[in-house]
Protein backbone atom coordinates (compact mmCIF):
# COMPACT_ATOMS: atom_id res chain seq x y z
CA MET A 1 104.70 98.39 108.14
CA LEU A 2 107.89 99.47 106.23
CA PHE A 3 108.48 96.14 104.72
CA LYS A 4 104.77 96.08 103.88
CA LEU A 5 105.01 99.42 101.89
CA TRP A 6 108.16 98.12 100.26
CA LYS A 7 106.63 94.78 99.29
CA GLY A 8 103.56 96.53 97.77
CA GLN A 9 105.32 99.31 95.98
CA GLY A 10 108.45 97.17 95.01
CA ARG A 11 106.22 94.44 93.27
CA LEU A 12 108.14 91.83 95.20
CA ASP A 13 105.72 89.20 94.11
CA LYS A 14 106.33 89.67 90.31
CA SER A 15 109.32 88.05 88.67
CA LEU A 16 110.57 87.80 85.05
CA GLY A 17 112.78 84.72 86.17
CA TYR A 18 111.91 81.03 86.36
CA ARG A 19 115.19 79.86 88.14
CA GLY A 20 115.76 80.19 91.75
CA ASP A 21 118.95 82.07 91.47
CA ARG A 22 117.38 84.66 89.11
CA VAL A 23 114.40 85.11 91.30
CA LEU A 24 116.47 85.64 94.36
CA CYS A 25 118.80 88.30 92.45
CA GLU A 26 115.73 90.18 91.28
CA VAL A 27 114.06 90.11 94.91
CA LEU A 28 117.51 91.44 96.12
CA ALA A 29 117.72 93.98 93.59
CA LYS A 30 114.18 95.26 94.21
CA LEU A 31 114.71 95.52 97.97
CA LEU A 32 118.02 97.45 97.56
CA ALA A 33 116.11 99.89 95.09
CA MET A 34 113.30 100.25 97.66
CA LEU A 35 116.03 100.98 100.40
CA VAL A 36 117.67 103.66 98.13
CA GLN A 37 114.09 105.07 97.40
CA HIS A 38 113.37 105.33 100.98
CA TRP A 39 116.74 107.01 101.92
CA VAL A 40 116.11 109.60 99.21
CA VAL A 41 112.72 110.27 100.67
CA LEU A 42 113.93 110.50 104.24
CA THR A 43 116.81 112.80 103.52
CA ALA A 44 114.79 115.15 101.36
CA CYS A 45 111.86 115.83 103.58
CA PRO A 46 110.44 114.93 107.07
CA TRP A 47 108.50 111.56 107.10
CA LEU A 48 105.50 112.48 109.20
CA ASP A 49 104.66 115.64 107.52
CA GLY A 50 101.15 114.68 106.57
CA VAL A 51 101.94 113.78 102.87
CA ALA A 52 101.37 109.99 101.94
CA ALA A 53 104.44 107.88 101.72
CA LYS A 54 103.15 106.51 98.46
CA ARG A 55 103.07 109.74 96.84
CA LYS A 56 106.53 110.67 97.88
CA GLN A 57 107.79 107.41 96.59
CA ARG A 58 105.89 107.70 93.38
CA LEU A 59 107.75 111.14 92.98
CA VAL A 60 111.15 109.62 93.43
CA ARG A 61 110.54 106.82 90.89
CA HIS A 62 109.72 109.43 88.42
CA CYS A 63 113.19 110.82 89.01
CA LEU A 64 114.88 107.61 89.03
CA GLU A 65 116.64 108.00 85.40
CA GLN A 66 117.99 111.39 86.42
CA LEU A 67 119.33 110.00 89.77
CA LEU A 68 120.87 106.86 88.01
CA SER A 69 122.60 109.22 85.45
CA ALA A 70 124.10 111.27 88.27
CA LEU A 71 125.75 108.47 90.34
CA GLY A 72 129.07 108.89 88.74
CA ASP A 73 129.38 112.65 89.42
CA ALA A 74 128.99 113.90 93.08
CA ASP A 75 128.06 117.45 91.85
CA GLN A 76 125.45 116.31 89.48
CA LEU A 77 123.99 113.93 92.25
CA GLY A 78 123.76 116.74 94.68
CA ASP A 79 121.87 118.87 92.02
CA VAL A 80 119.45 115.98 91.29
CA LEU A 81 118.80 115.43 94.97
CA ALA A 82 118.38 119.12 95.46
CA ARG A 83 115.62 119.09 92.78
CA ILE A 84 113.75 115.93 94.19
CA GLN A 85 113.88 117.69 97.61
CA ARG A 86 112.22 120.90 95.95
CA ARG A 87 109.48 118.71 94.41
CA LEU A 88 108.83 116.68 97.64
CA ARG A 89 108.25 119.95 99.53
CA ARG A 90 105.78 121.11 97.06
CA LEU A 91 103.64 118.35 97.66
CA ARG A 92 100.55 119.27 99.80
CA PRO A 93 99.60 117.35 102.93
CA ARG A 94 96.26 115.60 102.96
CA SER A 95 93.13 117.15 104.49
CA ARG A 96 92.54 116.54 108.13
CA ARG A 97 89.53 114.72 109.38
CA LYS A 98 87.64 116.55 111.92
CA LYS A 99 85.53 113.83 113.55
CA LYS A 100 88.05 111.06 113.88
CA PRO A 101 91.57 112.49 113.65
CA LEU A 102 94.38 110.32 112.60
CA THR A 103 96.83 109.16 114.98
CA ILE A 104 99.59 111.06 113.44
CA ASP A 105 97.42 114.06 113.80
CA LEU A 106 96.76 113.31 117.60
CA LEU A 107 100.56 112.91 117.91
CA ASN A 108 101.22 116.21 116.41
CA ASP A 109 98.57 118.10 118.28
CA PRO A 110 97.55 116.17 121.35
CA ALA A 111 94.81 118.86 122.15
CA GLN A 112 92.57 117.31 119.49
CA ALA A 113 92.13 114.18 121.57
CA LYS A 114 88.73 114.26 123.28
CA LEU A 115 88.40 111.81 126.22
CA GLY A 116 84.99 110.32 125.41
CA LEU A 117 85.24 107.81 128.44
CA SER A 118 81.59 106.76 129.27
């Protein structure tokens, strides 16, 4: 599921290159970027908090230029990561379904599960 998310968000199927080595380099760079993006999201907020992963990753992508410019300075990088963390924590979770709860909702609150075995 994680690779599927990375593949969709990272646009691995699109390439500007025509030669094999160029395409391979581009795919590896995109995978590395998705790994860093995923790492930032995981360190900034809990993964299973009810906020869609796509929303979190979109927010991190919007802060990408700040993140890249701060790579050379540890203090500045810490400030940028703290800003990203604050913005991620402001994201509101999706509304909950009442009739058929999502699996994550059932895992968080098993009392919601109703045994309708007939």
